[in-house]
Amino acid sequence: NVWFRKWKSLPFEEWSDDQWRQLIDEGNAIWQQGSQ
């Protein structure tokens, strides 16, 4: 509801390498919250 919806609302023609990096960084931060 937060991460996926945020990113799916951004049209792909507006995506840059930095945005892909941010998507992955945010995913890693979520992963760390439940890494066990």
PDB file of all heavy atoms in Angstrom:
ATOM      1  N   ASN A   1       0.792  -1.226   0.000  1.00  0.00           N
ATOM      2  CA  ASN A   1       0.000   0.000   0.000  1.00  0.00           C
ATOM      3  C   ASN A   1       0.825   1.277   0.000  1.00  0.00           C
ATOM      4  O   ASN A   1       0.324   2.326  -0.405  1.00  0.00           O
ATOM      5  CB  ASN A   1      -0.969   0.009   1.179  1.00  0.00           C
ATOM      6  CG  ASN A   1      -2.017  -1.072   1.042  1.00  0.00           C
ATOM      7  OD1 ASN A   1      -2.491  -1.360  -0.045  1.00  0.00           O
ATOM      8  ND2 ASN A   1      -2.357  -1.703   2.147  1.00  0.00           N
ATOM      9  N   VAL A   2       2.060   1.205   0.439  1.00  0.00           N
ATOM     10  CA  VAL A   2       2.892   2.407   0.455  1.00  0.00           C
ATOM     11  C   VAL A   2       3.920   2.335  -0.678  1.00  0.00           C
ATOM     12  O   VAL A   2       3.896   3.130  -1.611  1.00  0.00           O
ATOM     13  CB  VAL A   2       3.586   2.592   1.833  1.00  0.00           C
ATOM     14  CG1 VAL A   2       4.488   3.807   1.818  1.00  0.00           C
ATOM     15  CG2 VAL A   2       2.554   2.699   2.947  1.00  0.00           C
ATOM     16  N   TRP A   3       4.802   1.352  -0.618  1.00  0.00           N
ATOM     17  CA  TRP A   3       5.924   1.256  -1.551  1.00  0.00           C
ATOM     18  C   TRP A   3       5.464   0.933  -2.973  1.00  0.00           C
ATOM     19  O   TRP A   3       5.777   1.661  -3.919  1.00  0.00           O
ATOM     20  CB  TRP A   3       6.889   0.205  -1.015  1.00  0.00           C
ATOM     21  CG  TRP A   3       8.139  -0.024  -1.786  1.00  0.00           C
ATOM     22  CD1 TRP A   3       9.089   0.905  -2.091  1.00  0.00           C
ATOM     23  CD2 TRP A   3       8.599  -1.260  -2.302  1.00  0.00           C
ATOM     24  NE1 TRP A   3      10.113   0.315  -2.773  1.00  0.00           N
ATOM     25  CE2 TRP A   3       9.841  -1.020  -2.913  1.00  0.00           C
ATOM     26  CE3 TRP A   3       8.101  -2.552  -2.306  1.00  0.00           C
ATOM     27  CZ2 TRP A   3      10.572  -2.017  -3.521  1.00  0.00           C
ATOM     28  CZ3 TRP A   3       8.834  -3.550  -2.901  1.00  0.00           C
ATOM     29  CH2 TRP A   3      10.047  -3.286  -3.499  1.00  0.00           C
ATOM     30  N   PHE A   4       4.717  -0.150  -3.157  1.00  0.00           N
ATOM     31  CA  PHE A   4       4.292  -0.564  -4.491  1.00  0.00           C
ATOM     32  C   PHE A   4       3.397   0.482  -5.136  1.00  0.00           C
ATOM     33  O   PHE A   4       3.601   0.870  -6.279  1.00  0.00           O
ATOM     34  CB  PHE A   4       3.572  -1.913  -4.426  1.00  0.00           C
ATOM     35  CG  PHE A   4       3.149  -2.437  -5.772  1.00  0.00           C
ATOM     36  CD1 PHE A   4       4.076  -2.911  -6.669  1.00  0.00           C
ATOM     37  CD2 PHE A   4       1.807  -2.464  -6.129  1.00  0.00           C
ATOM     38  CE1 PHE A   4       3.693  -3.401  -7.916  1.00  0.00           C
ATOM     39  CE2 PHE A   4       1.407  -2.945  -7.365  1.00  0.00           C
ATOM     40  CZ  PHE A   4       2.356  -3.416  -8.254  1.00  0.00           C
ATOM     41  N   ARG A   5       2.409   0.973  -4.411  1.00  0.00           N
ATOM     42  CA  ARG A   5       1.495   1.976  -4.981  1.00  0.00           C
ATOM     43  C   ARG A   5       2.215   3.262  -5.351  1.00  0.00           C
ATOM     44  O   ARG A   5       1.903   3.899  -6.346  1.00  0.00           O
ATOM     45  CB  ARG A   5       0.354   2.267  -4.022  1.00  0.00           C
ATOM     46  CG  ARG A   5      -0.665   1.160  -4.016  1.00  0.00           C
ATOM     47  CD  ARG A   5      -1.869   1.539  -3.210  1.00  0.00           C
ATOM     48  NE  ARG A   5      -2.848   0.460  -3.283  1.00  0.00           N
ATOM     49  CZ  ARG A   5      -4.027   0.523  -2.725  1.00  0.00           C
ATOM     50  NH1 ARG A   5      -4.380   1.614  -2.070  1.00  0.00           N
ATOM     51  NH2 ARG A   5      -4.852  -0.479  -2.828  1.00  0.00           N
ATOM     52  N   LYS A   6       3.176   3.651  -4.532  1.00  0.00           N
ATOM     53  CA  LYS A   6       3.954   4.859  -4.831  1.00  0.00           C
ATOM     54  C   LYS A   6       4.642   4.714  -6.181  1.00  0.00           C
ATOM     55  O   LYS A   6       4.533   5.583  -7.042  1.00  0.00           O
ATOM     56  CB  LYS A   6       5.006   5.094  -3.747  1.00  0.00           C
ATOM     57  CG  LYS A   6       6.033   6.147  -4.107  1.00  0.00           C
ATOM     58  CD  LYS A   6       7.166   6.169  -3.103  1.00  0.00           C
ATOM     59  CE  LYS A   6       8.285   7.097  -3.562  1.00  0.00           C
ATOM     60  NZ  LYS A   6       9.396   7.104  -2.608  1.00  0.00           N
ATOM     61  N   TRP A   7       5.315   3.606  -6.367  1.00  0.00           N
ATOM     62  CA  TRP A   7       6.109   3.440  -7.575  1.00  0.00           C
ATOM     63  C   TRP A   7       5.270   3.093  -8.794  1.00  0.00           C
ATOM     64  O   TRP A   7       5.593   3.494  -9.900  1.00  0.00           O
ATOM     65  CB  TRP A   7       7.217   2.419  -7.335  1.00  0.00           C
ATOM     66  CG  TRP A   7       8.271   3.003  -6.462  1.00  0.00           C
ATOM     67  CD1 TRP A   7       8.470   2.765  -5.137  1.00  0.00           C
ATOM     68  CD2 TRP A   7       9.236   3.980  -6.833  1.00  0.00           C
ATOM     69  NE1 TRP A   7       9.499   3.538  -4.657  1.00  0.00           N
ATOM     70  CE2 TRP A   7       9.991   4.285  -5.686  1.00  0.00           C
ATOM     71  CE3 TRP A   7       9.530   4.631  -8.020  1.00  0.00           C
ATOM     72  CZ2 TRP A   7      11.029   5.209  -5.693  1.00  0.00           C
ATOM     73  CZ3 TRP A   7      10.577   5.551  -8.031  1.00  0.00           C
ATOM     74  CH2 TRP A   7      11.309   5.830  -6.881  1.00  0.00           C
ATOM     75  N   LYS A   8       4.192   2.352  -8.623  1.00  0.00           N
ATOM     76  CA  LYS A   8       3.390   2.008  -9.806  1.00  0.00           C
ATOM     77  C   LYS A   8       2.644   3.220 -10.346  1.00  0.00           C
ATOM     78  O   LYS A   8       2.236   3.230 -11.499  1.00  0.00           O
ATOM     79  CB  LYS A   8       2.446   0.845  -9.535  1.00  0.00           C
ATOM     80  CG  LYS A   8       1.174   1.204  -8.822  1.00  0.00           C
ATOM     81  CD  LYS A   8       0.231   0.028  -8.775  1.00  0.00           C
ATOM     82  CE  LYS A   8      -1.090   0.500  -8.222  1.00  0.00           C
ATOM     83  NZ  LYS A   8      -2.168  -0.383  -8.463  1.00  0.00           N
ATOM     84  N   SER A   9       2.496   4.264  -9.532  1.00  0.00           N
ATOM     85  CA  SER A   9       1.795   5.460  -9.997  1.00  0.00           C
ATOM     86  C   SER A   9       2.688   6.354 -10.859  1.00  0.00           C
ATOM     87  O   SER A   9       2.184   7.250 -11.534  1.00  0.00           O
ATOM     88  CB  SER A   9       1.246   6.253  -8.807  1.00  0.00           C
ATOM     89  OG  SER A   9       2.309   6.799  -8.059  1.00  0.00           O
ATOM     90  N   LEU A  10       3.990   6.112 -10.845  1.00  0.00           N
ATOM     91  CA  LEU A  10       4.915   6.909 -11.649  1.00  0.00           C
ATOM     92  C   LEU A  10       5.011   6.310 -13.047  1.00  0.00           C
ATOM     93  O   LEU A  10       5.402   5.152 -13.205  1.00  0.00           O
ATOM     94  CB  LEU A  10       6.294   6.925 -10.996  1.00  0.00           C
ATOM     95  CG  LEU A  10       7.375   7.750 -11.684  1.00  0.00           C
ATOM     96  CD1 LEU A  10       7.030   9.232 -11.619  1.00  0.00           C
ATOM     97  CD2 LEU A  10       8.720   7.496 -11.022  1.00  0.00           C
ATOM     98  N   PRO A  11       4.635   7.078 -14.082  1.00  0.00           N
ATOM     99  CA  PRO A  11       4.703   6.542 -15.451  1.00  0.00           C
ATOM    100  C   PRO A  11       6.137   6.133 -15.808  1.00  0.00           C
ATOM    101  O   PRO A  11       7.089   6.849 -15.484  1.00  0.00           O
ATOM    102  CB  PRO A  11       4.240   7.718 -16.316  1.00  0.00           C
ATOM    103  CG  PRO A  11       3.505   8.629 -15.394  1.00  0.00           C
ATOM    104  CD  PRO A  11       4.137   8.444 -14.047  1.00  0.00           C
ATOM    105  N   PHE A  12       6.272   4.990 -16.476  1.00  0.00           N
ATOM    106  CA  PHE A  12       7.597   4.476 -16.789  1.00  0.00           C
ATOM    107  C   PHE A  12       8.428   5.441 -17.638  1.00  0.00           C
ATOM    108  O   PHE A  12       9.656   5.458 -17.520  1.00  0.00           O
ATOM    109  CB  PHE A  12       7.511   3.119 -17.487  1.00  0.00           C
ATOM    110  CG  PHE A  12       7.300   1.973 -16.542  1.00  0.00           C
ATOM    111  CD1 PHE A  12       6.245   1.107 -16.726  1.00  0.00           C
ATOM    112  CD2 PHE A  12       8.147   1.754 -15.476  1.00  0.00           C
ATOM    113  CE1 PHE A  12       6.041   0.041 -15.853  1.00  0.00           C
ATOM    114  CE2 PHE A  12       7.956   0.701 -14.596  1.00  0.00           C
ATOM    115  CZ  PHE A  12       6.897  -0.156 -14.788  1.00  0.00           C
ATOM    116  N   GLU A  13       7.792   6.245 -18.467  1.00  0.00           N
ATOM    117  CA  GLU A  13       8.575   7.172 -19.281  1.00  0.00           C
ATOM    118  C   GLU A  13       9.299   8.210 -18.420  1.00  0.00           C
ATOM    119  O   GLU A  13      10.221   8.866 -18.875  1.00  0.00           O
ATOM    120  CB  GLU A  13       7.726   7.867 -20.354  1.00  0.00           C
ATOM    121  CG  GLU A  13       6.543   8.632 -19.852  1.00  0.00           C
ATOM    122  CD  GLU A  13       5.253   7.820 -19.851  1.00  0.00           C
ATOM    123  OE1 GLU A  13       5.288   6.590 -20.050  1.00  0.00           O
ATOM    124  OE2 GLU A  13       4.195   8.420 -19.630  1.00  0.00           O
ATOM    125  N   GLU A  14       8.898   8.331 -17.162  1.00  0.00           N
ATOM    126  CA  GLU A  14       9.544   9.276 -16.248  1.00  0.00           C
ATOM    127  C   GLU A  14      10.601   8.611 -15.360  1.00  0.00           C
ATOM    128  O   GLU A  14      11.252   9.286 -14.578  1.00  0.00           O
ATOM    129  CB  GLU A  14       8.488   9.950 -15.372  1.00  0.00           C
ATOM    130  CG  GLU A  14       7.506  10.787 -16.170  1.00  0.00           C
ATOM    131  CD  GLU A  14       6.416  11.406 -15.324  1.00  0.00           C
ATOM    132  OE1 GLU A  14       6.544  11.429 -14.075  1.00  0.00           O
ATOM    133  OE2 GLU A  14       5.421  11.879 -15.899  1.00  0.00           O
ATOM    134  N   TRP A  15      10.772   7.302 -15.481  1.00  0.00           N
ATOM    135  CA  TRP A  15      11.731   6.589 -14.633  1.00  0.00           C
ATOM    136  C   TRP A  15      13.158   6.847 -15.105  1.00  0.00           C
ATOM    137  O   TRP A  15      13.446   6.889 -16.288  1.00  0.00           O
ATOM    138  CB  TRP A  15      11.453   5.090 -14.647  1.00  0.00           C
ATOM    139  CG  TRP A  15      10.287   4.685 -13.807  1.00  0.00           C
ATOM    140  CD1 TRP A  15       9.029   5.208 -13.841  1.00  0.00           C
ATOM    141  CD2 TRP A  15      10.255   3.661 -12.818  1.00  0.00           C
ATOM    142  NE1 TRP A  15       8.223   4.575 -12.939  1.00  0.00           N
ATOM    143  CE2 TRP A  15       8.950   3.621 -12.297  1.00  0.00           C
ATOM    144  CE3 TRP A  15      11.197   2.779 -12.336  1.00  0.00           C
ATOM    145  CZ2 TRP A  15       8.567   2.723 -11.299  1.00  0.00           C
ATOM    146  CZ3 TRP A  15      10.816   1.881 -11.350  1.00  0.00           C
ATOM    147  CH2 TRP A  15       9.522   1.865 -10.835  1.00  0.00           C
ATOM    148  N   SER A  16      14.047   6.997 -14.139  1.00  0.00           N
ATOM    149  CA  SER A  16      15.475   7.177 -14.422  1.00  0.00           C
ATOM    150  C   SER A  16      16.252   6.128 -13.628  1.00  0.00           C
ATOM    151  O   SER A  16      15.683   5.421 -12.784  1.00  0.00           O
ATOM    152  CB  SER A  16      15.918   8.574 -13.995  1.00  0.00           C
ATOM    153  OG  SER A  16      15.855   8.692 -12.579  1.00  0.00           O
ATOM    154  N   ASP A  17      17.543   6.054 -13.881  1.00  0.00           N
ATOM    155  CA  ASP A  17      18.395   5.139 -13.105  1.00  0.00           C
ATOM    156  C   ASP A  17      18.322   5.467 -11.616  1.00  0.00           C
ATOM    157  O   ASP A  17      18.321   4.573 -10.774  1.00  0.00           O
ATOM    158  CB  ASP A  17      19.839   5.202 -13.579  1.00  0.00           C
ATOM    159  CG  ASP A  17      20.040   4.568 -14.942  1.00  0.00           C
ATOM    160  OD1 ASP A  17      19.133   3.834 -15.409  1.00  0.00           O
ATOM    161  OD2 ASP A  17      21.100   4.798 -15.549  1.00  0.00           O
ATOM    162  N   ASP A  18      18.273   6.751 -11.291  1.00  0.00           N
ATOM    163  CA  ASP A  18      18.182   7.154  -9.886  1.00  0.00           C
ATOM    164  C   ASP A  18      16.889   6.664  -9.240  1.00  0.00           C
ATOM    165  O   ASP A  18      16.882   6.266  -8.071  1.00  0.00           O
ATOM    166  CB  ASP A  18      18.270   8.677  -9.738  1.00  0.00           C
ATOM    167  CG  ASP A  18      19.680   9.198  -9.980  1.00  0.00           C
ATOM    168  OD1 ASP A  18      20.642   8.411  -9.864  1.00  0.00           O
ATOM    169  OD2 ASP A  18      19.818  10.399 -10.283  1.00  0.00           O
ATOM    170  N   GLN A  19      15.802   6.689 -10.000  1.00  0.00           N
ATOM    171  CA  GLN A  19      14.539   6.215  -9.440  1.00  0.00           C
ATOM    172  C   GLN A  19      14.558   4.703  -9.240  1.00  0.00           C
ATOM    173  O   GLN A  19      14.039   4.215  -8.250  1.00  0.00           O
ATOM    174  CB  GLN A  19      13.373   6.671 -10.309  1.00  0.00           C
ATOM    175  CG  GLN A  19      13.134   8.150 -10.093  1.00  0.00           C
ATOM    176  CD  GLN A  19      12.311   8.780 -11.166  1.00  0.00           C
ATOM    177  OE1 GLN A  19      12.536   8.541 -12.343  1.00  0.00           O
ATOM    178  NE2 GLN A  19      11.362   9.595 -10.754  1.00  0.00           N
ATOM    179  N   TRP A  20      15.162   3.971 -10.171  1.00  0.00           N
ATOM    180  CA  TRP A  20      15.310   2.526  -9.965  1.00  0.00           C
ATOM    181  C   TRP A  20      16.142   2.249  -8.716  1.00  0.00           C
ATOM    182  O   TRP A  20      15.814   1.378  -7.913  1.00  0.00           O
ATOM    183  CB  TRP A  20      15.964   1.866 -11.184  1.00  0.00           C
ATOM    184  CG  TRP A  20      14.996   1.536 -12.270  1.00  0.00           C
ATOM    185  CD1 TRP A  20      14.828   2.199 -13.448  1.00  0.00           C
ATOM    186  CD2 TRP A  20      14.038   0.469 -12.275  1.00  0.00           C
ATOM    187  NE1 TRP A  20      13.828   1.618 -14.188  1.00  0.00           N
ATOM    188  CE2 TRP A  20      13.330   0.545 -13.490  1.00  0.00           C
ATOM    189  CE3 TRP A  20      13.709  -0.543 -11.379  1.00  0.00           C
ATOM    190  CZ2 TRP A  20      12.321  -0.348 -13.834  1.00  0.00           C
ATOM    191  CZ3 TRP A  20      12.711  -1.433 -11.728  1.00  0.00           C
ATOM    192  CH2 TRP A  20      12.026  -1.327 -12.933  1.00  0.00           C
ATOM    193  N   ARG A  21      17.209   3.023  -8.547  1.00  0.00           N
ATOM    194  CA  ARG A  21      18.062   2.861  -7.370  1.00  0.00           C
ATOM    195  C   ARG A  21      17.273   3.156  -6.092  1.00  0.00           C
ATOM    196  O   ARG A  21      17.378   2.444  -5.096  1.00  0.00           O
ATOM    197  CB  ARG A  21      19.269   3.796  -7.489  1.00  0.00           C
ATOM    198  CG  ARG A  21      20.559   3.201  -7.042  1.00  0.00           C
ATOM    199  CD  ARG A  21      21.802   4.066  -7.275  1.00  0.00           C
ATOM    200  NE  ARG A  21      21.732   5.169  -8.213  1.00  0.00           N
ATOM    201  CZ  ARG A  21      21.964   5.089  -9.531  1.00  0.00           C
ATOM    202  NH1 ARG A  21      22.252   3.945 -10.073  1.00  0.00           N
ATOM    203  NH2 ARG A  21      21.907   6.166 -10.296  1.00  0.00           N
ATOM    204  N   GLN A  22      16.455   4.209  -6.120  1.00  0.00           N
ATOM    205  CA  GLN A  22      15.641   4.570  -4.961  1.00  0.00           C
ATOM    206  C   GLN A  22      14.614   3.469  -4.662  1.00  0.00           C
ATOM    207  O   GLN A  22      14.404   3.117  -3.495  1.00  0.00           O
ATOM    208  CB  GLN A  22      14.935   5.901  -5.185  1.00  0.00           C
ATOM    209  CG  GLN A  22      14.170   6.383  -3.972  1.00  0.00           C
ATOM    210  CD  GLN A  22      13.473   7.722  -4.216  1.00  0.00           C
ATOM    211  OE1 GLN A  22      13.677   8.386  -5.227  1.00  0.00           O
ATOM    212  NE2 GLN A  22      12.647   8.108  -3.260  1.00  0.00           N
ATOM    213  N   LEU A  23      13.979   2.933  -5.698  1.00  0.00           N
ATOM    214  CA  LEU A  23      13.031   1.832  -5.525  1.00  0.00           C
ATOM    215  C   LEU A  23      13.707   0.664  -4.803  1.00  0.00           C
ATOM    216  O   LEU A  23      13.170   0.122  -3.826  1.00  0.00           O
ATOM    217  CB  LEU A  23      12.506   1.363  -6.883  1.00  0.00           C
ATOM    218  CG  LEU A  23      11.760   0.025  -6.893  1.00  0.00           C
ATOM    219  CD1 LEU A  23      10.293   0.235  -6.603  1.00  0.00           C
ATOM    220  CD2 LEU A  23      11.952  -0.690  -8.208  1.00  0.00           C
ATOM    221  N   ILE A  24      14.894   0.302  -5.259  1.00  0.00           N
ATOM    222  CA  ILE A  24      15.625  -0.819  -4.652  1.00  0.00           C
ATOM    223  C   ILE A  24      16.074  -0.477  -3.242  1.00  0.00           C
ATOM    224  O   ILE A  24      15.960  -1.299  -2.330  1.00  0.00           O
ATOM    225  CB  ILE A  24      16.797  -1.242  -5.554  1.00  0.00           C
ATOM    226  CG1 ILE A  24      16.221  -1.858  -6.842  1.00  0.00           C
ATOM    227  CG2 ILE A  24      17.738  -2.207  -4.844  1.00  0.00           C
ATOM    228  CD1 ILE A  24      17.216  -2.070  -7.948  1.00  0.00           C
ATOM    229  N   ASP A  25      16.564   0.741  -3.025  1.00  0.00           N
ATOM    230  CA  ASP A  25      16.975   1.159  -1.675  1.00  0.00           C
ATOM    231  C   ASP A  25      15.800   1.107  -0.698  1.00  0.00           C
ATOM    232  O   ASP A  25      15.945   0.655   0.436  1.00  0.00           O
ATOM    233  CB  ASP A  25      17.568   2.566  -1.693  1.00  0.00           C
ATOM    234  CG  ASP A  25      18.941   2.619  -2.357  1.00  0.00           C
ATOM    235  OD1 ASP A  25      19.544   1.547  -2.598  1.00  0.00           O
ATOM    236  OD2 ASP A  25      19.396   3.744  -2.658  1.00  0.00           O
ATOM    237  N   GLU A  26      14.637   1.577  -1.142  1.00  0.00           N
ATOM    238  CA  GLU A  26      13.451   1.532  -0.287  1.00  0.00           C
ATOM    239  C   GLU A  26      13.040   0.082  -0.012  1.00  0.00           C
ATOM    240  O   GLU A  26      12.645  -0.252   1.102  1.00  0.00           O
ATOM    241  CB  GLU A  26      12.298   2.298  -0.931  1.00  0.00           C
ATOM    242  CG  GLU A  26      12.503   3.794  -0.919  1.00  0.00           C
ATOM    243  CD  GLU A  26      11.420   4.551  -1.659  1.00  0.00           C
ATOM    244  OE1 GLU A  26      10.405   3.948  -2.083  1.00  0.00           O
ATOM    245  OE2 GLU A  26      11.578   5.778  -1.823  1.00  0.00           O
ATOM    246  N   GLY A  27      13.134  -0.771  -1.024  1.00  0.00           N
ATOM    247  CA  GLY A  27      12.842  -2.191  -0.827  1.00  0.00           C
ATOM    248  C   GLY A  27      13.787  -2.816   0.188  1.00  0.00           C
ATOM    249  O   GLY A  27      13.373  -3.581   1.057  1.00  0.00           O
ATOM    250  N   ASN A  28      15.068  -2.461   0.094  1.00  0.00           N
ATOM    251  CA  ASN A  28      16.049  -2.976   1.056  1.00  0.00           C
ATOM    252  C   ASN A  28      15.756  -2.497   2.474  1.00  0.00           C
ATOM    253  O   ASN A  28      15.928  -3.249   3.439  1.00  0.00           O
ATOM    254  CB  ASN A  28      17.463  -2.576   0.647  1.00  0.00           C
ATOM    255  CG  ASN A  28      17.997  -3.413  -0.481  1.00  0.00           C
ATOM    256  OD1 ASN A  28      17.600  -4.562  -0.672  1.00  0.00           O
ATOM    257  ND2 ASN A  28      18.900  -2.838  -1.266  1.00  0.00           N
ATOM    258  N   ALA A  29      15.312  -1.254   2.605  1.00  0.00           N
ATOM    259  CA  ALA A  29      14.973  -0.722   3.930  1.00  0.00           C
ATOM    260  C   ALA A  29      13.796  -1.494   4.531  1.00  0.00           C
ATOM    261  O   ALA A  29      13.794  -1.805   5.727  1.00  0.00           O
ATOM    262  CB  ALA A  29      14.646   0.769   3.842  1.00  0.00           C
ATOM    263  N   ILE A  30      12.812  -1.821   3.699  1.00  0.00           N
ATOM    264  CA  ILE A  30      11.676  -2.623   4.176  1.00  0.00           C
ATOM    265  C   ILE A  30      12.164  -4.009   4.562  1.00  0.00           C
ATOM    266  O   ILE A  30      11.807  -4.543   5.618  1.00  0.00           O
ATOM    267  CB  ILE A  30      10.579  -2.711   3.094  1.00  0.00           C
ATOM    268  CG1 ILE A  30       9.971  -1.328   2.830  1.00  0.00           C
ATOM    269  CG2 ILE A  30       9.492  -3.706   3.506  1.00  0.00           C
ATOM    270  CD1 ILE A  30       9.124  -1.256   1.577  1.00  0.00           C
ATOM    271  N   TRP A  31      13.002  -4.585   3.732  1.00  0.00           N
ATOM    272  CA  TRP A  31      13.557  -5.917   3.976  1.00  0.00           C
ATOM    273  C   TRP A  31      14.283  -5.946   5.327  1.00  0.00           C
ATOM    274  O   TRP A  31      14.142  -6.893   6.100  1.00  0.00           O
ATOM    275  CB  TRP A  31      14.511  -6.257   2.849  1.00  0.00           C
ATOM    276  CG  TRP A  31      14.968  -7.675   2.748  1.00  0.00           C
ATOM    277  CD1 TRP A  31      14.944  -8.648   3.708  1.00  0.00           C
ATOM    278  CD2 TRP A  31      15.520  -8.298   1.589  1.00  0.00           C
ATOM    279  NE1 TRP A  31      15.455  -9.812   3.215  1.00  0.00           N
ATOM    280  CE2 TRP A  31      15.813  -9.624   1.918  1.00  0.00           C
ATOM    281  CE3 TRP A  31      15.802  -7.845   0.316  1.00  0.00           C
ATOM    282  CZ2 TRP A  31      16.377 -10.511   1.013  1.00  0.00           C
ATOM    283  CZ3 TRP A  31      16.362  -8.726  -0.579  1.00  0.00           C
ATOM    284  CH2 TRP A  31      16.645 -10.044  -0.230  1.00  0.00           C
ATOM    285  N   GLN A  32      15.038  -4.903   5.611  1.00  0.00           N
ATOM    286  CA  GLN A  32      15.779  -4.840   6.871  1.00  0.00           C
ATOM    287  C   GLN A  32      14.851  -4.822   8.084  1.00  0.00           C
ATOM    288  O   GLN A  32      15.205  -5.331   9.148  1.00  0.00           O
ATOM    289  CB  GLN A  32      16.709  -3.634   6.888  1.00  0.00           C
ATOM    290  CG  GLN A  32      17.879  -3.796   5.943  1.00  0.00           C
ATOM    291  CD  GLN A  32      18.732  -2.549   5.841  1.00  0.00           C
ATOM    292  OE1 GLN A  32      18.460  -1.527   6.482  1.00  0.00           O
ATOM    293  NE2 GLN A  32      19.762  -2.613   5.015  1.00  0.00           N
ATOM    294  N   GLN A  33      13.661  -4.251   7.925  1.00  0.00           N
ATOM    295  CA  GLN A  33      12.705  -4.204   9.038  1.00  0.00           C
ATOM    296  C   GLN A  33      12.246  -5.597   9.449  1.00  0.00           C
ATOM    297  O   GLN A  33      11.832  -5.799  10.587  1.00  0.00           O
ATOM    298  CB  GLN A  33      11.478  -3.374   8.651  1.00  0.00           C
ATOM    299  CG  GLN A  33      11.745  -1.914   8.478  1.00  0.00           C
ATOM    300  CD  GLN A  33      10.504  -1.182   8.016  1.00  0.00           C
ATOM    301  OE1 GLN A  33       9.389  -1.474   8.452  1.00  0.00           O
ATOM    302  NE2 GLN A  33      10.688  -0.222   7.140  1.00  0.00           N
ATOM    303  N   GLY A  34      12.290  -6.530   8.516  1.00  0.00           N
ATOM    304  CA  GLY A  34      11.861  -7.894   8.825  1.00  0.00           C
ATOM    305  C   GLY A  34      12.881  -8.914   8.388  1.00  0.00           C
ATOM    306  O   GLY A  34      12.535 -10.021   7.974  1.00  0.00           O
ATOM    307  N   SER A  35      14.151  -8.552   8.479  1.00  0.00           N
ATOM    308  CA  SER A  35      15.215  -9.397   7.935  1.00  0.00           C
ATOM    309  C   SER A  35      15.311 -10.779   8.576  1.00  0.00           C
ATOM    310  O   SER A  35      15.857 -11.696   7.972  1.00  0.00           O
ATOM    311  CB  SER A  35      16.566  -8.688   8.029  1.00  0.00           C
ATOM    312  OG  SER A  35      16.913  -8.458   9.376  1.00  0.00           O
ATOM    313  N   GLN A  36      14.766 -10.939   9.756  1.00  0.00           N
ATOM    314  CA  GLN A  36      14.822 -12.254  10.390  1.00  0.00           C
ATOM    315  C   GLN A  36      13.758 -13.205   9.848  1.00  0.00           C
ATOM    316  O   GLN A  36      13.742 -14.374  10.179  1.00  0.00           O
ATOM    317  CB  GLN A  36      14.737 -12.147  11.917  1.00  0.00           C
ATOM    318  CG  GLN A  36      13.414 -11.679  12.461  1.00  0.00           C
ATOM    319  CD  GLN A  36      13.301 -10.168  12.584  1.00  0.00           C
ATOM    320  OE1 GLN A  36      13.801  -9.411  11.764  1.00  0.00           O
ATOM    321  NE2 GLN A  36      12.614  -9.721  13.626  1.00  0.00           N
TER     322      GLN A  36
END
